[in-house]
Amino acid sequence: MISAASTSQSHLFQPLDPFRDKLRHQWRAWLANAVLALPLILGSLLMFAPLIWAVSFSFGQPHEFFKLPPPVIPSSFRLDNYHGVFERVDFLRFFLNSVVVTGCVTAAQLITCSMGGYAFARLRFPGRRIIFILFLASMMVPQHVTLIPVFIIIRGLGLYNNLGALIVPYATSVFGTFLLKQFFETIPDELEDAAKIDGAGFLQIYWRVMLPLAGPPLATLAILTFNSSWNNFFWPLIFINSAEKMTLPLGMIYLRGQDGVTNSGVLMAAIVLNLVPVLIFFMIFQRRLVEGVTLSGLKGA
């Protein structure tokens, strides 16, 4: 009887062993993931710390944040700094100028880079590889080297002190063309052959076959172009000399006091407002960013 009872009890608790093994396995997997994620979490905190401090600074009083160490949370949250931004400068005009320039540059690069990438990847013409190598070699030339020739061309076109001076030089991108070329080379040839059998030409294949498949790399290029154009300070400083045509990065110079004393809280509030469109744009397309970089790097040049 005792042996039978013990046997029945062992059968009763036997199903718990696989459950315990599963819990133990899941616990080990969770612990391993936590160990691997710890450096990423610490790195993320280090990268977000300046942004968090800037947002906190924009709501506080300037004298509080010149303490060592500066407080992370201000003693009182105030909107005076944000009111000061709109009182001191024509922030809405600067914002609209940045929207126009950034929107035009982003749209122009999406069109020109996709067409150039498709031409280098799918079309066959004499000297294609040599032209592409020379095209990539232009990335090695700093933009400051070409400043004087570009300035002469812009002035000759009558675009000096005009928003067009900030759009025309950035209407295309070597990096964007290279990115789209890498992606178009990963598309199977059968899709293009099927379109040719149906009577489609090069432009129809580009517009109806290739471009709809290029969503991830196009989103990646849009994010990078938007960020670069929105925060561009050097070219507006050279080509714009009137307050009506200034973009946000250049217009924030007017936040400096006439006596050289700058209200740091107001300046930080302007910086936070300048960051908001970039963050919103990135949050909308951040999924496509990883997909675009991954898909575009599957095949070498």
Foldseek 3Di string as FASTA:
>chain_A
DVVVVVVVVCVVCVVVVVVVVVVVVVVVVVVVVCVVCVVVVVVVCVVCQVVQQLVQLLQAAVVQVVDVPRDSHHPDGHCVLVVVLVVQAVQVLQAVLLCVQLVLLLVLALVVLLVLLCCLQPPDDPPSVVVLVVLVVVVVDDPVVCVVVLVVVCVVVVCFQHSVSSRVVRSHDNVSNLLNNLLVNPDDCVQVVVCVVVPDDPVCCSVPPSVVVLVLQSLQSSLVSSVCSLQDDVRCVVRHDDSSNHHLNPRLVSQADPVRHHRVSNSSSSVSVSCVVSVVSCVVNVVSNVVSVVSSPPDDD
